[in-house]
Structure formats: structure tokens, C-alpha cells
Amino acid sequence: MPKLITSFLDAIEISNITYFDIYRDTQTSNSTTGTFTFGDVSGYTLERPGPDTTTPNMRLRIPAGVYNVSLHNGTSYKNVLKLFNDQVAASRAILIHNGNYPKNTDGCILVGCSRSKDFVGSSVKKLNEIRATFKDIDIKNIRVRVHNNFPHRGIPFLD
């Protein structure tokens, strides 16, 4: 049976590329939450609220799309993935890192084992699972695909 393509991003396939797929599905006035899959690892994400923006320092989420990654080892977060593409510069330092609440991110993507309104839980545990997955992959062969998968035309708010 042919695979159903649910968005144009699902149709993008490049050999030797491993995809980290983020599916945004809910937002409140404080955050955007969703799910992710990366190899055999799955979990939940928490980002700043919308709308999507390419403008730095807005404390809003990045646009849906496909991102290249590099390894980031800064002062606050080490051995995490940094996202960038033609619209979002690497210098913005959009990271996938640990954290539980919207206040823990200025635009980065937080990961966790559970979620509730404006929250992801067991974030360090989930980040370590992600690290274990990417340690054996050439970082240049990882792409992050961010999908806006809101259930209907009006983006649902939980407030």
C-alpha cells in the first residue's frame, strides 16, 4: 500500500539522511507543543508561541520547514543540535535542548517524555536519548523537519 503524504515535507527524501520530525499540534498564548520522532526515539516538544517568525529576538517559534543541523557546545548547553537554513541563520542558535517551561526557551525547541499545558517533563532523560541516537550519525546527514500539524484551520488555543 502506498504511503500517504500528509504534507509536502513528507515527500522530501534524500539518501543517507536521517530525519528528526517535529509535529506541532497545540498552542496556548504561552507555548506551542507537539510530538517528535528521531530514529527509534519519540517524545514531546515545547516551543515559544506563534506566529512563526524568522526575525531574531522575538521570543516566538521558528517557521515550519526543513533545517540543517550542526553540533552546538556553548556555555549553557553542550552536545545539542543547532538548527539553521536559508531563512534562520545558525548565529541565532536555535537549539534542541532540555527545559520544562516556556520560560526555559527564547526560541529553541525543548524536548520531554511527557507533556501538559505549557510543559514538557523528564526533559534531560529525553535529551540523552536523542544524544545517544545522533552520536553514531554523521551530523551533516541529519535534517530537522518542522511540521505545523494543527488540527483545523483555526489554530487551537487551550487558554
C-alpha atoms as a PDB file:
ATOM      1  CA  MET A   1       0.000   0.000   0.000  1.00  0.00           C
ATOM      2  CA  PRO A   2       1.467   3.426  -0.919  1.00  0.00           C
ATOM      3  CA  LYS A   3       2.459   5.762   1.910  1.00  0.00           C
ATOM      4  CA  LEU A   4       0.052   8.670   2.416  1.00  0.00           C
ATOM      5  CA  ILE A   5       1.796  12.031   2.082  1.00  0.00           C
ATOM      6  CA  THR A   6       0.283  14.364   4.675  1.00  0.00           C
ATOM      7  CA  SER A   7       2.429  17.392   3.884  1.00  0.00           C
ATOM      8  CA  PHE A   8       4.932  18.478   1.270  1.00  0.00           C
ATOM      9  CA  LEU A   9       7.730  17.884   3.799  1.00  0.00           C
ATOM     10  CA  ASP A  10       6.851  14.169   3.947  1.00  0.00           C
ATOM     11  CA  ALA A  11       7.618  13.890   0.233  1.00  0.00           C
ATOM     12  CA  ILE A  12      11.222  15.049   0.679  1.00  0.00           C
ATOM     13  CA  GLU A  13      13.565  12.053   0.764  1.00  0.00           C
ATOM     14  CA  ILE A  14      17.330  12.205   0.356  1.00  0.00           C
ATOM     15  CA  SER A  15      19.574   9.148   0.623  1.00  0.00           C
ATOM     16  CA  ASN A  16      21.643   8.768   3.795  1.00  0.00           C
ATOM     17  CA  ILE A  17      19.634  11.489   5.538  1.00  0.00           C
ATOM     18  CA  THR A  18      18.159  10.823   8.978  1.00  0.00           C
ATOM     19  CA  TYR A  19      15.128  12.955   9.785  1.00  0.00           C
ATOM     20  CA  PHE A  20      14.156  14.453  13.124  1.00  0.00           C
ATOM     21  CA  ASP A  21      10.450  15.209  12.567  1.00  0.00           C
ATOM     22  CA  ILE A  22       8.576  17.656  14.801  1.00  0.00           C
ATOM     23  CA  TYR A  23       4.784  17.776  14.544  1.00  0.00           C
ATOM     24  CA  ARG A  24       3.340  20.875  16.212  1.00  0.00           C
ATOM     25  CA  ASP A  25      -0.263  20.266  17.196  1.00  0.00           C
ATOM     26  CA  THR A  26      -1.330  22.591  20.016  1.00  0.00           C
ATOM     27  CA  GLN A  27      -0.635  26.113  21.137  1.00  0.00           C
ATOM     28  CA  THR A  28      -1.574  28.359  24.010  1.00  0.00           C
ATOM     29  CA  SER A  29      -0.797  32.035  24.399  1.00  0.00           C
ATOM     30  CA  ASN A  30       2.455  30.931  26.122  1.00  0.00           C
ATOM     31  CA  SER A  31       3.707  27.970  24.094  1.00  0.00           C
ATOM     32  CA  THR A  32       3.445  25.554  21.190  1.00  0.00           C
ATOM     33  CA  THR A  33       3.584  21.817  21.909  1.00  0.00           C
ATOM     34  CA  GLY A  34       3.834  18.782  19.706  1.00  0.00           C
ATOM     35  CA  THR A  35       5.425  15.404  19.197  1.00  0.00           C
ATOM     36  CA  PHE A  36       8.664  14.287  17.576  1.00  0.00           C
ATOM     37  CA  THR A  37      10.303  11.201  16.130  1.00  0.00           C
ATOM     38  CA  PHE A  38      14.015  10.688  15.539  1.00  0.00           C
ATOM     39  CA  GLY A  39      15.057   7.176  14.623  1.00  0.00           C
ATOM     40  CA  ASP A  40      13.634   4.944  17.354  1.00  0.00           C
ATOM     41  CA  VAL A  41      13.207   7.875  19.763  1.00  0.00           C
ATOM     42  CA  SER A  42       9.908   9.694  20.137  1.00  0.00           C
ATOM     43  CA  GLY A  43       8.645  12.250  22.600  1.00  0.00           C
ATOM     44  CA  TYR A  44       7.170  15.694  23.040  1.00  0.00           C
ATOM     45  CA  THR A  45       8.269  19.215  22.206  1.00  0.00           C
ATOM     46  CA  LEU A  46       7.639  22.639  23.684  1.00  0.00           C
ATOM     47  CA  GLU A  47       8.426  25.893  21.904  1.00  0.00           C
ATOM     48  CA  ARG A  48       7.541  29.542  22.208  1.00  0.00           C
ATOM     49  CA  PRO A  49       4.096  30.509  20.881  1.00  0.00           C
ATOM     50  CA  GLY A  50       3.380  31.595  17.310  1.00  0.00           C
ATOM     51  CA  PRO A  51       3.192  33.042  14.894  1.00  0.00           C
ATOM     52  CA  ASP A  52       6.181  31.549  13.083  1.00  0.00           C
ATOM     53  CA  THR A  53       8.931  34.123  12.518  1.00  0.00           C
ATOM     54  CA  THR A  54      12.395  34.415  11.010  1.00  0.00           C
ATOM     55  CA  THR A  55      13.045  37.634  12.957  1.00  0.00           C
ATOM     56  CA  PRO A  56      15.550  37.155  15.798  1.00  0.00           C
ATOM     57  CA  ASN A  57      14.888  38.115  19.446  1.00  0.00           C
ATOM     58  CA  MET A  58      11.089  37.981  19.150  1.00  0.00           C
ATOM     59  CA  ARG A  59      10.664  35.056  21.618  1.00  0.00           C
ATOM     60  CA  LEU A  60       8.474  33.312  19.013  1.00  0.00           C
ATOM     61  CA  ARG A  61       8.818  29.936  17.321  1.00  0.00           C
ATOM     62  CA  ILE A  62      10.776  29.384  14.110  1.00  0.00           C
ATOM     63  CA  PRO A  63       8.919  28.734  10.841  1.00  0.00           C
ATOM     64  CA  ALA A  64       7.855  25.260   9.766  1.00  0.00           C
ATOM     65  CA  GLY A  65      10.331  23.883   7.249  1.00  0.00           C
ATOM     66  CA  VAL A  66      13.470  21.825   6.795  1.00  0.00           C
ATOM     67  CA  TYR A  67      16.598  22.647   8.799  1.00  0.00           C
ATOM     68  CA  ASN A  68      20.223  21.573   8.610  1.00  0.00           C
ATOM     69  CA  VAL A  69      21.934  20.882  11.912  1.00  0.00           C
ATOM     70  CA  SER A  70      25.332  21.305  13.479  1.00  0.00           C
ATOM     71  CA  LEU A  71      26.616  20.269  16.881  1.00  0.00           C
ATOM     72  CA  HIS A  72      26.462  23.049  19.474  1.00  0.00           C
ATOM     73  CA  ASN A  73      28.724  23.237  22.521  1.00  0.00           C
ATOM     74  CA  GLY A  74      28.047  26.568  24.195  1.00  0.00           C
ATOM     75  CA  THR A  75      28.327  27.722  27.781  1.00  0.00           C
ATOM     76  CA  SER A  76      24.750  26.786  28.744  1.00  0.00           C
ATOM     77  CA  TYR A  77      24.077  23.773  26.519  1.00  0.00           C
ATOM     78  CA  LYS A  78      26.614  21.226  25.334  1.00  0.00           C
ATOM     79  CA  ASN A  79      26.353  18.438  22.761  1.00  0.00           C
ATOM     80  CA  VAL A  80      22.979  19.572  21.398  1.00  0.00           C
ATOM     81  CA  LEU A  81      21.672  20.089  17.877  1.00  0.00           C
ATOM     82  CA  LYS A  82      21.635  23.617  16.402  1.00  0.00           C
ATOM     83  CA  LEU A  83      19.143  24.290  13.581  1.00  0.00           C
ATOM     84  CA  PHE A  84      19.664  26.576  10.590  1.00  0.00           C
ATOM     85  CA  ASN A  85      18.573  27.086   6.990  1.00  0.00           C
ATOM     86  CA  ASP A  86      18.441  29.898   4.419  1.00  0.00           C
ATOM     87  CA  GLN A  87      15.822  31.803   6.464  1.00  0.00           C
ATOM     88  CA  VAL A  88      17.061  31.097  10.009  1.00  0.00           C
ATOM     89  CA  ALA A  89      20.777  31.765  10.455  1.00  0.00           C
ATOM     90  CA  ALA A  90      22.990  29.472  12.532  1.00  0.00           C
ATOM     91  CA  SER A  91      24.010  32.575  14.508  1.00  0.00           C
ATOM     92  CA  ARG A  92      20.510  32.626  16.052  1.00  0.00           C
ATOM     93  CA  ALA A  93      21.489  29.450  17.928  1.00  0.00           C
ATOM     94  CA  ILE A  94      18.114  27.715  17.701  1.00  0.00           C
ATOM     95  CA  LEU A  95      18.835  24.565  19.706  1.00  0.00           C
ATOM     96  CA  ILE A  96      17.091  21.339  20.646  1.00  0.00           C
ATOM     97  CA  HIS A  97      17.758  21.189  24.394  1.00  0.00           C
ATOM     98  CA  ASN A  98      16.323  20.371  27.796  1.00  0.00           C
ATOM     99  CA  GLY A  99      13.848  22.527  29.697  1.00  0.00           C
ATOM    100  CA  ASN A 100      10.325  22.231  31.012  1.00  0.00           C
ATOM    101  CA  TYR A 101       8.502  25.534  30.612  1.00  0.00           C
ATOM    102  CA  PRO A 102       8.206  28.336  28.029  1.00  0.00           C
ATOM    103  CA  LYS A 103      10.444  30.499  30.240  1.00  0.00           C
ATOM    104  CA  ASN A 104      13.258  27.979  29.550  1.00  0.00           C
ATOM    105  CA  THR A 105      13.443  28.940  25.856  1.00  0.00           C
ATOM    106  CA  ASP A 106      13.815  32.115  23.832  1.00  0.00           C
ATOM    107  CA  GLY A 107      13.061  30.313  20.568  1.00  0.00           C
ATOM    108  CA  CYS A 108      14.674  26.904  20.958  1.00  0.00           C
ATOM    109  CA  ILE A 109      12.891  23.553  20.975  1.00  0.00           C
ATOM    110  CA  LEU A 110      12.574  21.787  24.330  1.00  0.00           C
ATOM    111  CA  VAL A 111      12.081  18.006  24.426  1.00  0.00           C
ATOM    112  CA  GLY A 112      10.490  15.729  27.007  1.00  0.00           C
ATOM    113  CA  CYS A 113       8.963  12.356  27.857  1.00  0.00           C
ATOM    114  CA  SER A 114       5.548  13.806  28.758  1.00  0.00           C
ATOM    115  CA  ARG A 115       3.578  16.978  28.213  1.00  0.00           C
ATOM    116  CA  SER A 116       0.737  19.048  29.557  1.00  0.00           C
ATOM    117  CA  LYS A 117      -0.315  22.647  29.089  1.00  0.00           C
ATOM    118  CA  ASP A 118       2.835  24.808  28.726  1.00  0.00           C
ATOM    119  CA  PHE A 119       5.060  21.949  29.979  1.00  0.00           C
ATOM    120  CA  VAL A 120       7.245  19.017  28.932  1.00  0.00           C
ATOM    121  CA  GLY A 121       8.507  16.567  31.564  1.00  0.00           C
ATOM    122  CA  SER A 122      11.632  14.413  32.040  1.00  0.00           C
ATOM    123  CA  SER A 123      13.467  16.626  29.593  1.00  0.00           C
ATOM    124  CA  VAL A 124      17.055  15.632  30.442  1.00  0.00           C
ATOM    125  CA  LYS A 125      16.181  11.948  30.057  1.00  0.00           C
ATOM    126  CA  LYS A 126      14.692  12.554  26.594  1.00  0.00           C
ATOM    127  CA  LEU A 127      17.606  14.747  25.511  1.00  0.00           C
ATOM    128  CA  ASN A 128      20.035  11.983  26.481  1.00  0.00           C
ATOM    129  CA  GLU A 129      18.052   9.520  24.316  1.00  0.00           C
ATOM    130  CA  ILE A 130      18.393  11.944  21.400  1.00  0.00           C
ATOM    131  CA  ARG A 131      22.140  12.292  22.019  1.00  0.00           C
ATOM    132  CA  ALA A 132      22.519   8.500  22.015  1.00  0.00           C
ATOM    133  CA  THR A 133      20.778   8.398  18.634  1.00  0.00           C
ATOM    134  CA  PHE A 134      22.841  11.096  16.918  1.00  0.00           C
ATOM    135  CA  LYS A 135      26.240  10.032  18.293  1.00  0.00           C
ATOM    136  CA  ASP A 136      26.598   7.381  15.568  1.00  0.00           C
ATOM    137  CA  ILE A 137      25.277   9.542  12.704  1.00  0.00           C
ATOM    138  CA  ASP A 138      27.315  11.990  10.638  1.00  0.00           C
ATOM    139  CA  ILE A 139      25.810  15.298  11.811  1.00  0.00           C
ATOM    140  CA  LYS A 140      25.767  16.533   8.198  1.00  0.00           C
ATOM    141  CA  ASN A 141      23.254  13.773   7.409  1.00  0.00           C
ATOM    142  CA  ILE A 142      20.620  14.907   9.912  1.00  0.00           C
ATOM    143  CA  ARG A 143      17.725  17.171   8.920  1.00  0.00           C
ATOM    144  CA  VAL A 144      15.040  18.541  11.204  1.00  0.00           C
ATOM    145  CA  ARG A 145      11.623  18.861   9.591  1.00  0.00           C
ATOM    146  CA  VAL A 146       9.176  21.069  11.491  1.00  0.00           C
ATOM    147  CA  HIS A 147       5.532  20.482  10.554  1.00  0.00           C
ATOM    148  CA  ASN A 148       2.621  22.715  11.565  1.00  0.00           C
ATOM    149  CA  ASN A 149       0.067  19.965  12.170  1.00  0.00           C
ATOM    150  CA  PHE A 150      -2.657  21.944  13.877  1.00  0.00           C
ATOM    151  CA  PRO A 151      -5.959  20.021  13.697  1.00  0.00           C
ATOM    152  CA  HIS A 152      -8.011  22.616  11.831  1.00  0.00           C
ATOM    153  CA  ARG A 153      -7.724  25.992  10.162  1.00  0.00           C
ATOM    154  CA  GLY A 154      -8.114  27.993  13.346  1.00  0.00           C
ATOM    155  CA  ILE A 155      -5.071  27.148  15.455  1.00  0.00           C
ATOM    156  CA  PRO A 156      -6.412  25.623  18.685  1.00  0.00           C
ATOM    157  CA  PHE A 157      -5.763  27.505  21.891  1.00  0.00           C
ATOM    158  CA  LEU A 158      -6.029  25.808  25.268  1.00  0.00           C
ATOM    159  CA  ASP A 159      -6.444  29.025  27.281  1.00  0.00           C
END
